[in-house]
Amino acid sequence: MNIEEWRDVLGDSLAVSLNLPVAPCDRPATTGDAAAHLLDAIAVLEEGPPAHTKDEPAPEIQRLELKIDLLTDLVSSLLADRIPEPAEVLISGAGMVLPAGVLGAGDERVQLYPGQWLAQPLILELGTRVVREGAAGASWGSPDPTLRDALGRWVFRMHRREVARRRMSGGN
């Protein structure tokens, strides 16, 4: 799947290729505010403390962080059987492209898990679907600007992370 070949679905904004747990879903769609809250919380948790902080957190804070990590791991392990298999997707703030076999013809929503360590999906409405060359693409069905902005920020973070990973491994 090539991003440029799917601009009609992904729009002109930044798009990234990710391996994400994704599957059709019949649950109600996540609201824009809830999506923004979830994606912003994931960003804060994944980024960790600011790089300029040289001081170690107090032992009480370290213990609290470890307890929260353990609780998150326990809850996620209890829900692990609900998390779908990962698939290679192209995603942007405007839509997504995934292998054609993931979605059925009547599927109107998709669940995707933006945090591999968190068993909390985003439920997103699908708009017009395009199928070509073994892949299916759909724009987001919700016109909610809060949702699209949150997805766009998340895609930017994922792109930035991929660029940093490639630089660290010596590739471009």
C-alpha atoms as a PDB file:
ATOM      1  CA  MET A   1       0.000   0.000   0.000  1.00  0.00           C
ATOM      2  CA  ASN A   2       1.428   3.318  -1.098  1.00  0.00           C
ATOM      3  CA  ILE A   3       0.299   6.540   0.582  1.00  0.00           C
ATOM      4  CA  GLU A   4       0.351   8.528  -2.665  1.00  0.00           C
ATOM      5  CA  GLU A   5      -1.943   5.997  -4.380  1.00  0.00           C
ATOM      6  CA  TRP A   6      -4.551   6.542  -1.641  1.00  0.00           C
ATOM      7  CA  ARG A   7      -4.649  10.363  -1.459  1.00  0.00           C
ATOM      8  CA  ASP A   8      -8.335  10.261  -2.484  1.00  0.00           C
ATOM      9  CA  VAL A   9      -9.043   8.550   0.865  1.00  0.00           C
ATOM     10  CA  LEU A  10      -6.241   9.874   3.095  1.00  0.00           C
ATOM     11  CA  GLY A  11      -6.495  13.487   1.969  1.00  0.00           C
ATOM     12  CA  ASP A  12      -3.569  15.865   1.634  1.00  0.00           C
ATOM     13  CA  SER A  13      -2.556  15.731   5.291  1.00  0.00           C
ATOM     14  CA  LEU A  14       0.233  13.641   6.760  1.00  0.00           C
ATOM     15  CA  ALA A  15      -0.341   9.880   6.636  1.00  0.00           C
ATOM     16  CA  VAL A  16       1.659   7.090   8.231  1.00  0.00           C
ATOM     17  CA  SER A  17       1.928   3.327   7.826  1.00  0.00           C
ATOM     18  CA  LEU A  18       1.391   1.448  11.107  1.00  0.00           C
ATOM     19  CA  ASN A  19       0.840  -2.098  12.286  1.00  0.00           C
ATOM     20  CA  LEU A  20      -2.249  -1.730  14.502  1.00  0.00           C
ATOM     21  CA  PRO A  21      -4.874  -3.994  16.013  1.00  0.00           C
ATOM     22  CA  VAL A  22      -7.946  -3.165  13.928  1.00  0.00           C
ATOM     23  CA  ALA A  23     -11.301  -4.840  13.257  1.00  0.00           C
ATOM     24  CA  PRO A  24     -14.891  -4.041  12.346  1.00  0.00           C
ATOM     25  CA  CYS A  25     -17.080  -2.973  15.237  1.00  0.00           C
ATOM     26  CA  ASP A  26     -20.763  -2.420  15.905  1.00  0.00           C
ATOM     27  CA  ARG A  27     -20.333  -0.364  19.090  1.00  0.00           C
ATOM     28  CA  PRO A  28     -21.166   3.361  19.082  1.00  0.00           C
ATOM     29  CA  ALA A  29     -18.473   5.622  17.663  1.00  0.00           C
ATOM     30  CA  THR A  30     -16.079   7.412  19.999  1.00  0.00           C
ATOM     31  CA  THR A  31     -16.896  11.118  20.287  1.00  0.00           C
ATOM     32  CA  GLY A  32     -14.339  13.668  19.201  1.00  0.00           C
ATOM     33  CA  ASP A  33     -13.760  14.858  22.763  1.00  0.00           C
ATOM     34  CA  ALA A  34     -13.293  11.297  24.066  1.00  0.00           C
ATOM     35  CA  ALA A  35     -10.914  10.469  21.205  1.00  0.00           C
ATOM     36  CA  ALA A  36      -8.880  13.618  21.849  1.00  0.00           C
ATOM     37  CA  HIS A  37      -8.727  12.807  25.576  1.00  0.00           C
ATOM     38  CA  LEU A  38      -7.586   9.207  24.940  1.00  0.00           C
ATOM     39  CA  LEU A  39      -4.976  10.113  22.314  1.00  0.00           C
ATOM     40  CA  ASP A  40      -3.609  13.007  24.392  1.00  0.00           C
ATOM     41  CA  ALA A  41      -3.376  10.766  27.477  1.00  0.00           C
ATOM     42  CA  ILE A  42      -1.522   8.108  25.481  1.00  0.00           C
ATOM     43  CA  ALA A  43       0.891  10.773  24.200  1.00  0.00           C
ATOM     44  CA  VAL A  44       1.638  12.013  27.706  1.00  0.00           C
ATOM     45  CA  LEU A  45       2.179   8.497  29.039  1.00  0.00           C
ATOM     46  CA  GLU A  46       4.376   7.396  26.150  1.00  0.00           C
ATOM     47  CA  GLU A  47       6.549  10.508  26.124  1.00  0.00           C
ATOM     48  CA  GLY A  48       7.538  10.164  29.772  1.00  0.00           C
ATOM     49  CA  PRO A  49       9.164  12.922  31.803  1.00  0.00           C
ATOM     50  CA  PRO A  50      10.644  15.972  30.071  1.00  0.00           C
ATOM     51  CA  ALA A  51      14.196  15.412  28.807  1.00  0.00           C
ATOM     52  CA  HIS A  52      15.521  18.487  30.636  1.00  0.00           C
ATOM     53  CA  THR A  53      14.618  17.018  34.038  1.00  0.00           C
ATOM     54  CA  LYS A  54      17.758  15.532  35.570  1.00  0.00           C
ATOM     55  CA  ASP A  55      16.317  14.869  39.018  1.00  0.00           C
ATOM     56  CA  GLU A  56      14.896  11.472  39.855  1.00  0.00           C
ATOM     57  CA  PRO A  57      11.257  11.541  40.946  1.00  0.00           C
ATOM     58  CA  ALA A  58      10.635  11.032  44.632  1.00  0.00           C
ATOM     59  CA  PRO A  59      10.466   7.362  45.705  1.00  0.00           C
ATOM     60  CA  GLU A  60       6.754   7.759  46.466  1.00  0.00           C
ATOM     61  CA  ILE A  61       6.107   8.917  42.912  1.00  0.00           C
ATOM     62  CA  GLN A  62       8.214   6.073  41.479  1.00  0.00           C
ATOM     63  CA  ARG A  63       6.202   3.527  43.488  1.00  0.00           C
ATOM     64  CA  LEU A  64       2.922   5.098  42.388  1.00  0.00           C
ATOM     65  CA  GLU A  65       4.028   4.989  38.735  1.00  0.00           C
ATOM     66  CA  LEU A  66       4.996   1.323  39.063  1.00  0.00           C
ATOM     67  CA  LYS A  67       1.634   0.498  40.645  1.00  0.00           C
ATOM     68  CA  ILE A  68      -0.217   2.249  37.819  1.00  0.00           C
ATOM     69  CA  ASP A  69       1.934   0.418  35.233  1.00  0.00           C
ATOM     70  CA  LEU A  70       1.172  -2.894  36.906  1.00  0.00           C
ATOM     71  CA  LEU A  71      -2.553  -2.161  37.060  1.00  0.00           C
ATOM     72  CA  THR A  72      -2.575  -1.175  33.377  1.00  0.00           C
ATOM     73  CA  ASP A  73      -0.740  -4.390  32.481  1.00  0.00           C
ATOM     74  CA  LEU A  74      -3.170  -6.491  34.519  1.00  0.00           C
ATOM     75  CA  VAL A  75      -6.275  -4.922  32.984  1.00  0.00           C
ATOM     76  CA  SER A  76      -4.802  -5.178  29.490  1.00  0.00           C
ATOM     77  CA  SER A  77      -3.930  -8.852  30.002  1.00  0.00           C
ATOM     78  CA  LEU A  78      -7.507  -9.550  31.123  1.00  0.00           C
ATOM     79  CA  LEU A  79      -8.809  -7.939  27.946  1.00  0.00           C
ATOM     80  CA  ALA A  80      -6.105  -9.275  25.612  1.00  0.00           C
ATOM     81  CA  ASP A  81      -8.466 -11.804  23.995  1.00  0.00           C
ATOM     82  CA  ARG A  82     -10.689  -8.902  22.860  1.00  0.00           C
ATOM     83  CA  ILE A  83      -7.901  -7.126  21.021  1.00  0.00           C
ATOM     84  CA  PRO A  84      -7.980  -7.957  17.290  1.00  0.00           C
ATOM     85  CA  GLU A  85      -4.989  -9.095  15.268  1.00  0.00           C
ATOM     86  CA  PRO A  86      -2.738  -6.279  14.047  1.00  0.00           C
ATOM     87  CA  ALA A  87      -2.894  -5.307  10.389  1.00  0.00           C
ATOM     88  CA  GLU A  88      -0.769  -2.987   8.291  1.00  0.00           C
ATOM     89  CA  VAL A  89      -2.753   0.228   7.853  1.00  0.00           C
ATOM     90  CA  LEU A  90      -2.222   3.626   6.310  1.00  0.00           C
ATOM     91  CA  ILE A  91      -3.880   6.265   8.450  1.00  0.00           C
ATOM     92  CA  SER A  92      -4.340  10.028   8.400  1.00  0.00           C
ATOM     93  CA  GLY A  93      -6.624  12.562   9.997  1.00  0.00           C
ATOM     94  CA  ALA A  94      -8.949  12.101   7.011  1.00  0.00           C
ATOM     95  CA  GLY A  95      -9.198   8.303   6.660  1.00  0.00           C
ATOM     96  CA  MET A  96      -7.501   4.926   6.607  1.00  0.00           C
ATOM     97  CA  VAL A  97      -6.509   2.111   4.256  1.00  0.00           C
ATOM     98  CA  LEU A  98      -6.247  -1.507   5.387  1.00  0.00           C
ATOM     99  CA  PRO A  99      -6.200  -4.986   3.857  1.00  0.00           C
ATOM    100  CA  ALA A 100      -9.498  -5.632   2.071  1.00  0.00           C
ATOM    101  CA  GLY A 101     -10.246  -8.787   4.093  1.00  0.00           C
ATOM    102  CA  VAL A 102     -10.386  -6.935   7.408  1.00  0.00           C
ATOM    103  CA  LEU A 103     -13.710  -5.220   6.683  1.00  0.00           C
ATOM    104  CA  GLY A 104     -16.933  -6.691   5.358  1.00  0.00           C
ATOM    105  CA  ALA A 105     -19.160  -4.907   2.862  1.00  0.00           C
ATOM    106  CA  GLY A 106     -21.675  -3.827   5.526  1.00  0.00           C
ATOM    107  CA  ASP A 107     -19.243  -2.687   8.213  1.00  0.00           C
ATOM    108  CA  GLU A 108     -19.850   0.932   9.169  1.00  0.00           C
ATOM    109  CA  ARG A 109     -17.365   1.344  12.020  1.00  0.00           C
ATOM    110  CA  VAL A 110     -13.884   0.166  12.836  1.00  0.00           C
ATOM    111  CA  GLN A 111     -12.126  -0.247  16.175  1.00  0.00           C
ATOM    112  CA  LEU A 112      -8.431   0.510  16.329  1.00  0.00           C
ATOM    113  CA  TYR A 113      -6.104   0.403  19.281  1.00  0.00           C
ATOM    114  CA  PRO A 114      -3.750   3.407  19.280  1.00  0.00           C
ATOM    115  CA  GLY A 115      -1.756   2.181  22.301  1.00  0.00           C
ATOM    116  CA  GLN A 116      -0.340  -1.325  21.907  1.00  0.00           C
ATOM    117  CA  TRP A 117      -0.181  -1.590  25.696  1.00  0.00           C
ATOM    118  CA  LEU A 118      -3.721  -0.334  26.289  1.00  0.00           C
ATOM    119  CA  ALA A 119      -6.888  -2.364  25.686  1.00  0.00           C
ATOM    120  CA  GLN A 120      -8.945   0.747  24.880  1.00  0.00           C
ATOM    121  CA  PRO A 121     -10.000   1.194  21.256  1.00  0.00           C
ATOM    122  CA  LEU A 122     -11.099   4.173  19.269  1.00  0.00           C
ATOM    123  CA  ILE A 123     -14.358   3.372  17.491  1.00  0.00           C
ATOM    124  CA  LEU A 124     -14.432   5.339  14.243  1.00  0.00           C
ATOM    125  CA  GLU A 125     -17.231   5.724  11.700  1.00  0.00           C
ATOM    126  CA  LEU A 126     -16.336   4.937   8.118  1.00  0.00           C
ATOM    127  CA  GLY A 127     -17.423   7.087   5.216  1.00  0.00           C
ATOM    128  CA  THR A 128     -17.229   6.274   1.530  1.00  0.00           C
ATOM    129  CA  ARG A 129     -15.248   3.102   0.903  1.00  0.00           C
ATOM    130  CA  VAL A 130     -12.852   2.461  -1.987  1.00  0.00           C
ATOM    131  CA  VAL A 131     -11.525  -1.029  -2.788  1.00  0.00           C
ATOM    132  CA  ARG A 132      -8.526  -1.593  -5.050  1.00  0.00           C
ATOM    133  CA  GLU A 133      -5.568  -3.965  -5.339  1.00  0.00           C
ATOM    134  CA  GLY A 134      -6.358  -6.031  -2.241  1.00  0.00           C
ATOM    135  CA  ALA A 135      -6.877  -3.029   0.030  1.00  0.00           C
ATOM    136  CA  ALA A 136      -9.891  -1.093   1.241  1.00  0.00           C
ATOM    137  CA  GLY A 137      -9.817   2.579   2.105  1.00  0.00           C
ATOM    138  CA  ALA A 138     -12.415   4.736   3.770  1.00  0.00           C
ATOM    139  CA  SER A 139     -12.582   8.339   4.800  1.00  0.00           C
ATOM    140  CA  TRP A 140     -13.775   9.032   8.328  1.00  0.00           C
ATOM    141  CA  GLY A 141     -17.550   9.280   8.482  1.00  0.00           C
ATOM    142  CA  SER A 142     -17.606  11.844  11.265  1.00  0.00           C
ATOM    143  CA  PRO A 143     -17.231  15.504  10.280  1.00  0.00           C
ATOM    144  CA  ASP A 144     -16.259  16.338  13.909  1.00  0.00           C
ATOM    145  CA  PRO A 145     -13.213  18.659  13.689  1.00  0.00           C
ATOM    146  CA  THR A 146     -12.121  17.715  17.227  1.00  0.00           C
ATOM    147  CA  LEU A 147     -11.877  14.067  16.187  1.00  0.00           C
ATOM    148  CA  ARG A 148     -10.009  14.831  12.974  1.00  0.00           C
ATOM    149  CA  ASP A 149      -7.588  17.181  14.770  1.00  0.00           C
ATOM    150  CA  ALA A 150      -6.896  14.577  17.462  1.00  0.00           C
ATOM    151  CA  LEU A 151      -6.268  11.904  14.831  1.00  0.00           C
ATOM    152  CA  GLY A 152      -4.019  14.295  12.907  1.00  0.00           C
ATOM    153  CA  ARG A 153      -1.916  15.021  16.031  1.00  0.00           C
ATOM    154  CA  TRP A 154      -1.666  11.299  16.786  1.00  0.00           C
ATOM    155  CA  VAL A 155      -0.609  10.528  13.195  1.00  0.00           C
ATOM    156  CA  PHE A 156       2.040  13.251  13.471  1.00  0.00           C
ATOM    157  CA  ARG A 157       3.410  11.693  16.681  1.00  0.00           C
ATOM    158  CA  MET A 158       3.488   8.246  15.077  1.00  0.00           C
ATOM    159  CA  HIS A 159       5.277   9.654  12.022  1.00  0.00           C
ATOM    160  CA  ARG A 160       7.784  11.497  14.211  1.00  0.00           C
ATOM    161  CA  ARG A 161       8.414   8.284  16.163  1.00  0.00           C
ATOM    162  CA  GLU A 162       8.997   6.305  12.943  1.00  0.00           C
ATOM    163  CA  VAL A 163      11.428   8.928  11.624  1.00  0.00           C
ATOM    164  CA  ALA A 164      13.352   8.833  14.925  1.00  0.00           C
ATOM    165  CA  ARG A 165      13.427   5.011  14.855  1.00  0.00           C
ATOM    166  CA  ARG A 166      14.839   5.024  11.311  1.00  0.00           C
ATOM    167  CA  ARG A 167      17.488   7.582  12.252  1.00  0.00           C
ATOM    168  CA  MET A 168      18.532   5.521  15.273  1.00  0.00           C
ATOM    169  CA  SER A 169      18.853   2.390  13.128  1.00  0.00           C
ATOM    170  CA  GLY A 170      20.946   4.258  10.562  1.00  0.00           C
ATOM    171  CA  GLY A 171      18.349   4.162   7.774  1.00  0.00           C
ATOM    172  CA  ASN A 172      16.602   7.069   6.129  1.00  0.00           C
END
